């Protein structure tokens, strides 16, 4: 696939690169805890620094540039927004990992009521509302329809009981965009609904979990949580169908391959300037071939993401292509970091702070992060989704 940017889009790409280079604090990207695209856990100081930088994006009109003007955006195209996302992820500025601008907001525009759009979208656009995604549960990871959380109607409210698991950013989110069963008498895919819930509502509590790559995620508990019926998003009992559309906004982003391209480029620059265990890796034929192989994989991942962008710009829902993006993610990330780990040898296991740590400990951190590929379904489930949605094959039992 080939794609071409207009002269105006090329100029915008240059403008963004200059903006990020100018505004990112000197030395910021030398630290491990700098990548918002890779979802590195944040201290309170990092959170406030990221919030301040995102405010600059809002002031420049970048933050929700792809939204309609009536909701605080610039009305820019999906391609313009992808150019921003790619540059943002590659340059890795201080930022918070809000799901509002790229998942919840676009989802509300498609399935939300006019009242919900007026109530939530301007707040998301101004970062007055920070949203997390409450889709996964202890028994609902790869198959999001296996949830057990319920929402029972009670007058003009719903009473929610259950728990969500592995929820990123829930500890500083103001709202959660979540699934719950509103009809337990039918198969779960036919009885699921979507809600947007204020995290300060009585009955909601959190327990932190630390993932194997050191990031904080959360268990979110719901105990008789009363939610206004007007917070039901989309049609009742159609949540699974709505979720399939909404998830594509998250899965097809060009940001993640750009973030890992930065990891790759940083390593290339590192071995150009440094020997590892006395070896000049740039002159080793086997290393050069393996690096070239990873470079091609990264570019393939990037291009299928851009195909998703193009399909979205044409008003299409790229479900099969979004699953292809996920399959490449699950293959390329471990491959990249396995290579870094092997080339770094024992020094790649040293954490930030050690005088011998490679790239200030980034080798060790990124290698730990490489195993975090379970989200959004396993490889087998992702291939089945491609076969079903892209090739028209029947569901595999």
Protein backbone atom coordinates (compact mmCIF):
# COMPACT_ATOMS: atom_id res chain seq x y z
CA UNK A 1 0.00 0.00 0.00
CA UNK A 2 1.18 3.51 -0.82
CA UNK A 3 -0.25 6.68 0.59
CA UNK A 4 0.60 10.30 -0.07
CA UNK A 5 0.10 13.43 1.98
CA UNK A 6 -0.95 16.75 0.48
CA UNK A 7 1.47 19.70 0.67
CA UNK A 8 -0.69 21.13 3.46
CA UNK A 9 -0.49 17.88 5.40
CA UNK A 10 3.28 17.70 4.94
CA UNK A 11 3.51 21.24 6.29
CA UNK A 12 1.37 20.25 9.28
CA UNK A 13 3.65 17.28 9.94
CA UNK A 14 6.65 19.62 9.97
CA UNK A 15 4.81 22.07 12.23
CA UNK A 16 4.11 19.32 14.76
CA UNK A 17 7.72 18.10 14.80
CA UNK A 18 8.95 21.63 15.46
CA UNK A 19 6.34 22.16 18.17
CA UNK A 20 7.23 18.99 20.07
CA UNK A 21 10.97 19.59 19.81
CA UNK A 22 10.49 23.13 21.11
CA UNK A 23 8.05 22.38 23.93
CA UNK A 24 9.29 19.06 25.34
CA UNK A 25 11.60 19.83 28.30
CA UNK A 26 15.31 19.18 27.58
CA UNK A 27 16.35 15.72 28.73
CA UNK A 28 12.78 14.59 29.31
CA UNK A 29 13.00 11.69 26.87
CA UNK A 30 16.21 10.41 28.46
CA UNK A 31 14.04 9.08 31.28
CA UNK A 32 12.17 5.79 31.27
CA UNK A 33 8.94 7.28 32.54
CA UNK A 34 8.34 9.46 29.53
CA UNK A 35 6.14 7.52 27.13
CA UNK A 36 2.42 8.26 27.26
CA UNK A 37 1.82 6.05 24.20
CA UNK A 38 3.41 3.08 26.00
CA UNK A 39 1.34 3.88 29.11
CA UNK A 40 4.15 4.14 31.60
CA UNK A 41 2.77 4.55 35.12
CA UNK A 42 2.88 8.12 36.41
CA UNK A 43 3.74 9.71 39.72
CA UNK A 44 1.63 12.66 40.84
CA UNK A 45 4.41 14.95 39.59
CA UNK A 46 4.40 13.26 36.17
CA UNK A 47 0.60 13.44 36.05
CA UNK A 48 0.61 17.19 36.70
CA UNK A 49 3.40 17.72 34.15
CA UNK A 50 1.46 15.70 31.58
CA UNK A 51 -1.75 17.59 32.32
CA UNK A 52 0.06 20.91 31.84
CA UNK A 53 1.45 19.80 28.48
CA UNK A 54 -1.95 18.56 27.32
CA UNK A 55 -3.33 21.99 28.17
CA UNK A 56 -0.82 23.38 25.66
CA UNK A 57 -2.20 20.98 23.06
CA UNK A 58 -5.68 22.26 23.85
CA UNK A 59 -4.54 25.88 23.49
CA UNK A 60 -2.99 25.10 20.09
CA UNK A 61 -6.15 23.34 18.94
CA UNK A 62 -4.38 19.98 18.58
CA UNK A 63 -6.00 18.00 21.39
CA UNK A 64 -9.35 17.13 19.76
CA UNK A 65 -8.67 18.59 16.35
CA UNK A 66 -10.61 15.74 14.68
CA UNK A 67 -13.84 16.54 16.55
CA UNK A 68 -16.61 18.72 15.10
CA UNK A 69 -16.31 22.41 16.01
CA UNK A 70 -19.54 22.37 18.01
CA UNK A 71 -17.94 19.98 20.49
CA UNK A 72 -14.68 21.87 20.88
CA UNK A 73 -12.72 20.46 17.94
CA UNK A 74 -11.35 21.89 14.70
CA UNK A 75 -13.31 19.70 12.31
CA UNK A 76 -10.09 18.27 10.87
CA UNK A 77 -10.01 15.06 8.86
CA UNK A 78 -9.15 11.58 10.09
CA UNK A 79 -5.90 11.84 8.15
CA UNK A 80 -4.93 15.12 9.86
CA UNK A 81 -5.69 13.53 13.22
CA UNK A 82 -3.56 10.49 12.36
CA UNK A 83 -0.67 12.77 11.41
CA UNK A 84 -0.95 14.36 14.86
CA UNK A 85 -1.17 10.98 16.65
CA UNK A 86 1.87 9.64 14.84
CA UNK A 87 3.98 12.70 15.65
CA UNK A 88 2.70 12.85 19.23
CA UNK A 89 3.60 9.20 19.90
CA UNK A 90 7.00 9.37 18.24
CA UNK A 91 8.12 12.50 20.09
CA UNK A 92 6.67 11.21 23.40
CA UNK A 93 5.78 14.47 25.20
CA UNK A 94 4.61 14.64 28.82
CA UNK A 95 0.95 13.63 28.63
CA UNK A 96 -1.78 11.74 30.45
CA UNK A 97 -3.31 8.61 28.94
CA UNK A 98 -6.91 9.77 28.61
CA UNK A 99 -9.28 7.54 26.63
CA UNK A 100 -11.69 10.41 26.04
CA UNK A 101 -10.41 12.10 22.93
CA UNK A 102 -9.73 8.98 20.83
CA UNK A 103 -12.22 6.35 22.07
CA UNK A 104 -15.02 7.62 24.30
CA UNK A 105 -15.57 10.94 22.54
CA UNK A 106 -15.75 9.51 19.00
CA UNK A 107 -17.94 6.69 20.35
CA UNK A 108 -20.38 9.15 21.91
CA UNK A 109 -20.59 11.03 18.62
CA UNK A 110 -21.77 7.86 16.90
CA UNK A 111 -24.07 6.24 19.48
CA UNK A 112 -24.67 8.88 22.17
CA UNK A 113 -27.73 11.07 22.57
CA UNK A 114 -27.58 14.79 21.83
CA UNK A 115 -27.86 15.46 25.56
CA UNK A 116 -24.89 13.17 26.28
CA UNK A 117 -22.85 14.87 23.58
CA UNK A 118 -23.53 18.30 25.06
CA UNK A 119 -22.82 17.08 28.59
CA UNK A 120 -19.65 15.06 28.09
CA UNK A 121 -17.86 16.09 24.90
CA UNK A 122 -16.94 19.68 25.85
CA UNK A 123 -15.69 18.43 29.24
CA UNK A 124 -13.54 15.77 27.56
CA UNK A 125 -12.22 18.33 25.07
CA UNK A 126 -11.13 20.62 27.94
CA UNK A 127 -9.78 17.72 30.05
CA UNK A 128 -12.34 18.47 32.74
CA UNK A 129 -13.39 14.83 32.32
CA UNK A 130 -10.74 12.08 32.15
CA UNK A 131 -12.11 8.71 31.11
CA UNK A 132 -10.99 5.09 31.46
CA UNK A 133 -12.42 1.99 29.78
CA UNK A 134 -14.26 -0.57 31.92
CA UNK A 135 -14.61 -3.48 29.54
CA UNK A 136 -12.55 -6.33 31.00
CA UNK A 137 -13.37 -8.47 34.04
CA UNK A 138 -11.82 -11.50 35.79
CA UNK A 139 -13.65 -13.81 33.35
CA UNK A 140 -13.92 -11.41 30.41
CA UNK A 141 -10.65 -10.55 28.74
CA UNK A 142 -10.31 -11.87 25.21
CA UNK A 143 -14.08 -12.38 25.04
CA UNK A 144 -15.64 -9.13 26.24
CA UNK A 145 -19.11 -10.66 26.11
CA UNK A 146 -18.31 -12.91 29.10
CA UNK A 147 -18.94 -10.16 31.65
CA UNK A 148 -20.85 -10.69 34.89
CA UNK A 149 -21.36 -7.06 35.98
CA UNK A 150 -25.06 -6.24 36.02
CA UNK A 151 -27.10 -3.04 35.75
CA UNK A 152 -30.60 -3.49 37.17
CA UNK A 153 -33.21 -0.80 36.35
CA UNK A 154 -34.76 0.95 39.34
CA UNK A 155 -37.01 3.86 38.41
CA UNK A 156 -34.98 6.45 36.54
CA UNK A 157 -31.71 4.83 37.63
CA UNK A 158 -29.69 1.65 37.15
CA UNK A 159 -28.05 -0.17 40.06
CA UNK A 160 -24.67 -1.57 39.03
CA UNK A 161 -22.95 -4.47 40.80
CA UNK A 162 -19.79 -6.28 39.80
CA UNK A 163 -16.15 -5.58 39.11
CA UNK A 164 -13.85 -4.56 36.30
CA UNK A 165 -10.26 -5.75 36.13
CA UNK A 166 -6.99 -4.58 34.52
CA UNK A 167 -8.31 -1.03 34.16
CA UNK A 168 -5.62 1.46 33.18
CA UNK A 169 -5.72 5.04 34.57
CA UNK A 170 -8.79 4.34 36.76
CA UNK A 171 -6.90 5.81 39.74
CA UNK A 172 -7.00 9.30 38.23
CA UNK A 173 -10.00 9.06 35.88
CA UNK A 174 -13.14 11.05 36.59
CA UNK A 175 -15.40 8.76 34.50
CA UNK A 176 -15.48 5.16 33.32
CA UNK A 177 -16.98 4.04 30.01
CA UNK A 178 -18.15 0.55 30.90
CA UNK A 179 -20.19 -2.49 29.98
CA UNK A 180 -22.88 -4.17 32.10
CA UNK A 181 -25.64 -6.72 31.59
CA UNK A 182 -29.09 -5.12 31.50
CA UNK A 183 -30.86 -8.38 30.62
CA UNK A 184 -29.61 -11.60 32.21
CA UNK A 185 -32.34 -13.78 30.70
CA UNK A 186 -30.77 -13.84 27.23
CA UNK A 187 -27.26 -14.69 25.91
CA UNK A 188 -24.82 -12.09 27.16
CA UNK A 189 -24.14 -10.59 23.73
CA UNK A 190 -27.83 -9.84 23.50
CA UNK A 191 -28.18 -8.36 27.00
CA UNK A 192 -25.15 -6.06 27.28
CA UNK A 193 -25.35 -2.26 27.47
CA UNK A 194 -22.87 0.61 27.70
CA UNK A 195 -22.76 3.25 30.43
CA UNK A 196 -20.65 6.27 31.27
CA UNK A 197 -20.31 6.53 35.04
CA UNK A 198 -18.83 9.19 37.33
CA UNK A 199 -15.99 7.56 39.28
CA UNK A 200 -16.92 9.60 42.36
CA UNK A 201 -20.30 7.87 42.63
CA UNK A 202 -20.86 6.17 46.04
CA UNK A 203 -20.23 2.43 45.89
CA UNK A 204 -17.20 2.59 43.57
CA UNK A 205 -13.86 1.52 45.01
CA UNK A 206 -10.43 0.64 43.60
CA UNK A 207 -7.68 -1.85 44.33
CA UNK A 208 -4.30 -1.36 42.61
CA UNK A 209 -2.61 -4.11 40.61
CA UNK A 210 1.00 -3.91 39.47
CA UNK A 211 1.58 -5.58 36.12
CA UNK A 212 4.76 -7.47 35.29
CA UNK A 213 6.10 -4.42 33.43
CA UNK A 214 5.71 -2.28 36.55
CA UNK A 215 2.63 -0.34 35.44
CA UNK A 216 -0.24 0.27 37.81
CA UNK A 217 -3.59 -1.05 36.65
CA UNK A 218 -6.70 -1.44 38.79
CA UNK A 219 -9.64 -3.52 39.92
CA UNK A 220 -12.75 -1.36 40.04
CA UNK A 221 -15.55 -2.58 42.31
CA UNK A 222 -19.21 -1.61 41.98
CA UNK A 223 -21.45 -2.18 45.01
CA UNK A 224 -25.03 -1.00 44.50
CA UNK A 225 -23.82 1.95 42.42
CA UNK A 226 -26.75 4.11 41.36
CA UNK A 227 -26.36 5.56 37.87
CA UNK A 228 -28.89 7.85 36.15
CA UNK A 229 -30.69 6.13 33.29
CA UNK A 230 -29.64 9.01 31.04
CA UNK A 231 -26.05 7.68 31.34
CA UNK A 232 -26.99 4.61 29.29
CA UNK A 233 -25.03 5.10 26.05
CA UNK A 234 -26.63 3.84 22.87
CA UNK A 235 -29.54 1.44 22.66
CA UNK A 236 -30.27 -0.80 25.63
CA UNK A 237 -29.07 -4.39 25.17
CA UNK A 238 -27.11 -3.40 22.03
CA UNK A 239 -23.89 -2.75 23.93
CA UNK A 240 -21.89 -5.54 22.33
CA UNK A 241 -22.62 -4.27 18.83
CA UNK A 242 -21.81 -0.72 19.91
CA UNK A 243 -18.63 -1.93 21.57
CA UNK A 244 -17.40 -3.54 18.35
CA UNK A 245 -17.60 -0.15 16.65
CA UNK A 246 -16.15 1.84 19.54
CA UNK A 247 -13.17 -0.50 20.05
CA UNK A 248 -11.99 0.14 16.50
CA UNK A 249 -11.15 3.73 17.44
CA UNK A 250 -8.65 2.32 19.95
CA UNK A 251 -7.30 -0.58 17.91
CA UNK A 252 -6.45 1.16 14.65
CA UNK A 253 -4.34 4.02 15.99
CA UNK A 254 -1.07 4.89 14.26
CA UNK A 255 0.33 6.01 17.63
CA UNK A 256 1.60 2.65 18.90
CA UNK A 257 3.79 1.71 15.90
CA UNK A 258 5.18 5.25 16.02
CA UNK A 259 6.05 4.85 19.71
CA UNK A 260 7.89 1.59 19.04
CA UNK A 261 9.60 3.09 16.00
CA UNK A 262 11.08 5.59 18.44
CA UNK A 263 12.29 2.72 20.65
CA UNK A 264 13.89 1.14 17.58
CA UNK A 265 15.45 4.40 16.39
CA UNK A 266 16.87 5.14 19.85
CA UNK A 267 18.55 1.72 19.84
CA UNK A 268 20.00 2.26 16.37
CA UNK A 269 21.48 5.59 17.46
CA UNK A 270 22.80 3.98 20.65
CA UNK A 271 24.73 1.21 18.87
CA UNK A 272 26.12 3.70 16.36
CA UNK A 273 27.76 5.57 19.24
CA UNK A 274 28.48 2.73 21.67
CA UNK A 275 29.93 -0.75 21.68
CA UNK A 276 28.12 -3.44 23.70
CA UNK A 277 30.42 -5.85 25.49
CA UNK A 278 33.23 -4.70 23.21
CA UNK A 279 31.28 -5.39 20.01
CA UNK A 280 30.43 -2.91 17.29
CA UNK A 281 26.98 -4.28 16.45
CA UNK A 282 26.63 -2.08 13.37
CA UNK A 283 29.27 -4.19 11.62
CA UNK A 284 27.85 -7.60 12.53
CA UNK A 285 26.06 -9.06 9.44
CA UNK A 286 23.62 -11.15 11.47
CA UNK A 287 22.65 -8.18 13.66
CA UNK A 288 22.19 -5.96 10.62
CA UNK A 289 19.90 -8.55 8.99
CA UNK A 290 17.81 -8.97 12.15
CA UNK A 291 17.48 -5.21 12.56
CA UNK A 292 16.40 -4.89 8.93
CA UNK A 293 13.79 -7.60 9.50
CA UNK A 294 12.33 -5.74 12.49
CA UNK A 295 12.40 -2.45 10.55
CA UNK A 296 10.26 -4.05 7.81
CA UNK A 297 7.80 -5.43 10.38
CA UNK A 298 7.44 -2.00 12.00
CA UNK A 299 6.74 -0.43 8.62
CA UNK A 300 4.15 -3.11 7.76
CA UNK A 301 2.41 -2.46 11.09
CA UNK A 302 2.46 1.27 10.43
CA UNK A 303 1.00 0.90 6.93
CA UNK A 304 -1.93 -1.30 7.97
CA UNK A 305 -2.70 1.36 10.62
CA UNK A 306 -2.76 3.94 7.87
CA UNK A 307 -5.13 1.73 5.89
CA UNK A 308 -7.47 1.80 8.89
CA UNK A 309 -7.20 5.60 8.89
CA UNK A 310 -8.05 5.77 5.21
CA UNK A 311 -11.06 3.47 5.60
CA UNK A 312 -12.32 5.59 8.50
CA UNK A 313 -11.85 8.73 6.40
CA UNK A 314 -14.15 7.11 3.82
CA UNK A 315 -16.84 6.50 6.44
CA UNK A 316 -16.19 2.76 6.66
CA UNK A 317 -15.87 0.60 9.80
CA UNK A 318 -12.57 -1.33 9.43
CA UNK A 319 -13.26 -4.22 11.79
CA UNK A 320 -11.09 -6.83 10.03
CA UNK A 321 -8.29 -4.34 9.42
CA UNK A 322 -8.36 -3.23 13.06
CA UNK A 323 -7.86 -6.86 14.07
CA UNK A 324 -4.94 -7.08 11.63
CA UNK A 325 -3.38 -4.13 13.45
CA UNK A 326 -3.70 -6.00 16.73
CA UNK A 327 -2.17 -9.17 15.28
CA UNK A 328 0.86 -7.25 14.06
CA UNK A 329 1.16 -5.54 17.44
CA UNK A 330 1.23 -8.90 19.23
CA UNK A 331 3.94 -10.20 16.91
CA UNK A 332 6.17 -7.18 16.34
CA UNK A 333 6.54 -5.93 19.93
CA UNK A 334 7.91 -9.20 21.38
CA UNK A 335 10.12 -9.66 18.32
CA UNK A 336 11.64 -6.19 18.73
CA UNK A 337 12.28 -6.52 22.43
CA UNK A 338 13.57 -10.09 22.20
CA UNK A 339 16.17 -8.73 19.81
CA UNK A 340 17.11 -5.88 22.16
CA UNK A 341 17.36 -8.28 25.09
CA UNK A 342 19.60 -10.71 23.19
CA UNK A 343 21.88 -8.02 21.80
CA UNK A 344 22.19 -6.30 25.16
CA UNK A 345 23.06 -9.51 26.98
CA UNK A 346 23.26 -9.38 30.81
CA UNK A 347 23.47 -5.56 30.76
CA UNK A 348 19.94 -5.39 29.31
CA UNK A 349 18.60 -6.68 32.64
CA UNK A 350 19.90 -3.69 34.63
CA UNK A 351 17.33 -1.18 35.77
CA UNK A 352 17.39 2.60 35.62
CA UNK A 353 19.92 4.00 38.08
CA UNK A 354 22.66 1.43 37.51
CA UNK A 355 25.83 2.91 35.99
CA UNK A 356 26.02 -0.02 33.55
CA UNK A 357 22.35 0.04 32.51
CA UNK A 358 21.96 0.32 28.74
CA UNK A 359 20.16 3.47 27.56
CA UNK A 360 19.61 4.46 31.21
CA UNK A 361 17.64 1.27 31.87
CA UNK A 362 15.33 1.53 28.88
CA UNK A 363 16.47 -1.90 27.66
CA UNK A 364 15.23 -3.50 30.87
CA UNK A 365 11.95 -1.60 30.98
CA UNK A 366 11.01 -2.12 27.34
CA UNK A 367 11.88 -5.80 27.55
CA UNK A 368 9.51 -6.19 30.50
CA UNK A 369 6.85 -4.26 28.63
CA UNK A 370 7.20 -6.55 25.62
CA UNK A 371 5.32 -9.35 27.37
CA UNK A 372 2.26 -7.15 27.91
CA UNK A 373 0.51 -8.13 24.66
CA UNK A 374 -2.53 -9.96 26.08
CA UNK A 375 -4.87 -6.98 25.91
CA UNK A 376 -7.71 -6.91 23.37
CA UNK A 377 -7.68 -10.66 22.82
CA UNK A 378 -5.07 -13.32 22.25
CA UNK A 379 -3.43 -14.18 18.94
CA UNK A 380 -5.81 -17.08 18.22
CA UNK A 381 -8.89 -14.93 18.91
CA UNK A 382 -7.49 -12.12 16.77
CA UNK A 383 -6.88 -14.46 13.83
CA UNK A 384 -10.39 -15.84 14.17
CA UNK A 385 -11.76 -12.29 14.08
CA UNK A 386 -9.84 -11.61 10.85
CA UNK A 387 -11.13 -14.86 9.30
CA UNK A 388 -14.70 -14.10 10.32
CA UNK A 389 -14.87 -10.37 9.56
CA UNK A 390 -12.39 -10.15 6.70
CA UNK A 391 -12.81 -13.48 4.92
CA UNK A 392 -16.46 -14.19 5.69
CA UNK A 393 -15.78 -17.51 7.41
CA UNK A 394 -18.19 -18.92 10.00
CA UNK A 395 -17.50 -18.47 13.72
CA UNK A 396 -15.01 -21.06 15.00
CA UNK A 397 -16.38 -23.08 17.93
